[in-house]
Amino acid sequence: MARLQLKRGLIANLPTSGMLAGEPMVTTDRGTLHLAIDATSKIPVVPAIDALGTAASIDLAADY
């Protein structure tokens, strides 16, 4: 049976190169999940709670 292995560590220590597309990474200090999309790029899948303060708010008139 195949085994899924997650990289883990502090957010400051997440890799910035040499990643495999689809490789999951978990931060132990912030509790976030990141997914590599290519060798040098990653996206946050589960953002940190304090990062949500910068998310755009909903404007019903403009977003409807």
C-alpha atoms as a PDB file:
ATOM      1  CA  MET A   1       0.000   0.000   0.000  1.00  0.00           C
ATOM      2  CA  ALA A   2       1.251   3.483  -0.861  1.00  0.00           C
ATOM      3  CA  ARG A   3       2.122   5.836   1.964  1.00  0.00           C
ATOM      4  CA  LEU A   4       1.447   9.562   1.991  1.00  0.00           C
ATOM      5  CA  GLN A   5       4.204  11.561   3.633  1.00  0.00           C
ATOM      6  CA  LEU A   6       3.865  15.228   4.609  1.00  0.00           C
ATOM      7  CA  LYS A   7       6.759  17.625   4.994  1.00  0.00           C
ATOM      8  CA  ARG A   8       6.430  19.552   8.227  1.00  0.00           C
ATOM      9  CA  GLY A   9       8.189  22.363  10.032  1.00  0.00           C
ATOM     10  CA  LEU A  10       8.096  26.057  10.824  1.00  0.00           C
ATOM     11  CA  ILE A  11       6.591  28.364   8.210  1.00  0.00           C
ATOM     12  CA  ALA A  12       9.925  30.195   7.897  1.00  0.00           C
ATOM     13  CA  ASN A  13      11.577  26.893   6.969  1.00  0.00           C
ATOM     14  CA  LEU A  14       9.209  25.818   4.177  1.00  0.00           C
ATOM     15  CA  PRO A  15      11.164  25.050   1.010  1.00  0.00           C
ATOM     16  CA  THR A  16      11.284  27.588  -1.811  1.00  0.00           C
ATOM     17  CA  SER A  17      12.796  25.278  -4.434  1.00  0.00           C
ATOM     18  CA  GLY A  18      13.123  21.609  -5.246  1.00  0.00           C
ATOM     19  CA  MET A  19       9.473  20.857  -4.486  1.00  0.00           C
ATOM     20  CA  LEU A  20       7.434  18.242  -6.326  1.00  0.00           C
ATOM     21  CA  ALA A  21       4.070  19.295  -7.777  1.00  0.00           C
ATOM     22  CA  GLY A  22       1.344  18.110  -5.409  1.00  0.00           C
ATOM     23  CA  GLU A  23       3.685  17.804  -2.436  1.00  0.00           C
ATOM     24  CA  PRO A  24       1.857  18.757   0.817  1.00  0.00           C
ATOM     25  CA  MET A  25       3.598  20.728   3.576  1.00  0.00           C
ATOM     26  CA  VAL A  26       2.263  21.382   7.101  1.00  0.00           C
ATOM     27  CA  THR A  27       3.500  24.188   9.343  1.00  0.00           C
ATOM     28  CA  THR A  28       3.890  23.195  12.959  1.00  0.00           C
ATOM     29  CA  ASP A  29       3.930  26.755  14.319  1.00  0.00           C
ATOM     30  CA  ARG A  30       0.860  28.130  12.503  1.00  0.00           C
ATOM     31  CA  GLY A  31      -1.116  24.987  11.702  1.00  0.00           C
ATOM     32  CA  THR A  32      -1.409  25.721   7.982  1.00  0.00           C
ATOM     33  CA  LEU A  33      -1.306  23.422   4.964  1.00  0.00           C
ATOM     34  CA  HIS A  34       0.513  24.360   1.753  1.00  0.00           C
ATOM     35  CA  LEU A  35       0.580  22.534  -1.570  1.00  0.00           C
ATOM     36  CA  ALA A  36       3.424  22.750  -4.089  1.00  0.00           C
ATOM     37  CA  ILE A  37       2.215  23.574  -7.584  1.00  0.00           C
ATOM     38  CA  ASP A  38       5.662  23.301  -9.202  1.00  0.00           C
ATOM     39  CA  ALA A  39       9.335  23.196  -8.185  1.00  0.00           C
ATOM     40  CA  THR A  40       9.374  26.780  -6.842  1.00  0.00           C
ATOM     41  CA  SER A  41       5.743  27.739  -6.079  1.00  0.00           C
ATOM     42  CA  LYS A  42       3.296  26.754  -3.364  1.00  0.00           C
ATOM     43  CA  ILE A  43      -0.196  27.842  -2.397  1.00  0.00           C
ATOM     44  CA  PRO A  44      -1.790  27.944   1.058  1.00  0.00           C
ATOM     45  CA  VAL A  45      -4.627  25.437   1.196  1.00  0.00           C
ATOM     46  CA  VAL A  46      -5.590  26.147   4.805  1.00  0.00           C
ATOM     47  CA  PRO A  47      -4.633  29.734   5.654  1.00  0.00           C
ATOM     48  CA  ALA A  48      -3.771  30.806   9.178  1.00  0.00           C
ATOM     49  CA  ILE A  49      -6.629  32.378  11.137  1.00  0.00           C
ATOM     50  CA  ASP A  50      -4.764  35.687  11.522  1.00  0.00           C
ATOM     51  CA  ALA A  51      -4.248  35.824   7.731  1.00  0.00           C
ATOM     52  CA  LEU A  52      -8.011  35.894   7.219  1.00  0.00           C
ATOM     53  CA  GLY A  53      -8.128  39.487   8.454  1.00  0.00           C
ATOM     54  CA  THR A  54      -6.751  40.575   5.084  1.00  0.00           C
ATOM     55  CA  ALA A  55      -9.403  38.709   3.085  1.00  0.00           C
ATOM     56  CA  ALA A  56     -11.770  40.924   1.111  1.00  0.00           C
ATOM     57  CA  SER A  57     -15.201  41.450   2.589  1.00  0.00           C
ATOM     58  CA  ILE A  58     -18.422  40.760   0.701  1.00  0.00           C
ATOM     59  CA  ASP A  59     -20.152  43.717  -0.903  1.00  0.00           C
ATOM     60  CA  LEU A  60     -23.698  42.560  -1.656  1.00  0.00           C
ATOM     61  CA  ALA A  61     -24.381  45.256  -4.230  1.00  0.00           C
ATOM     62  CA  ALA A  62     -21.168  44.621  -6.173  1.00  0.00           C
ATOM     63  CA  ASP A  63     -20.980  40.839  -5.684  1.00  0.00           C
ATOM     64  CA  TYR A  64     -24.619  40.045  -6.481  1.00  0.00           C
END
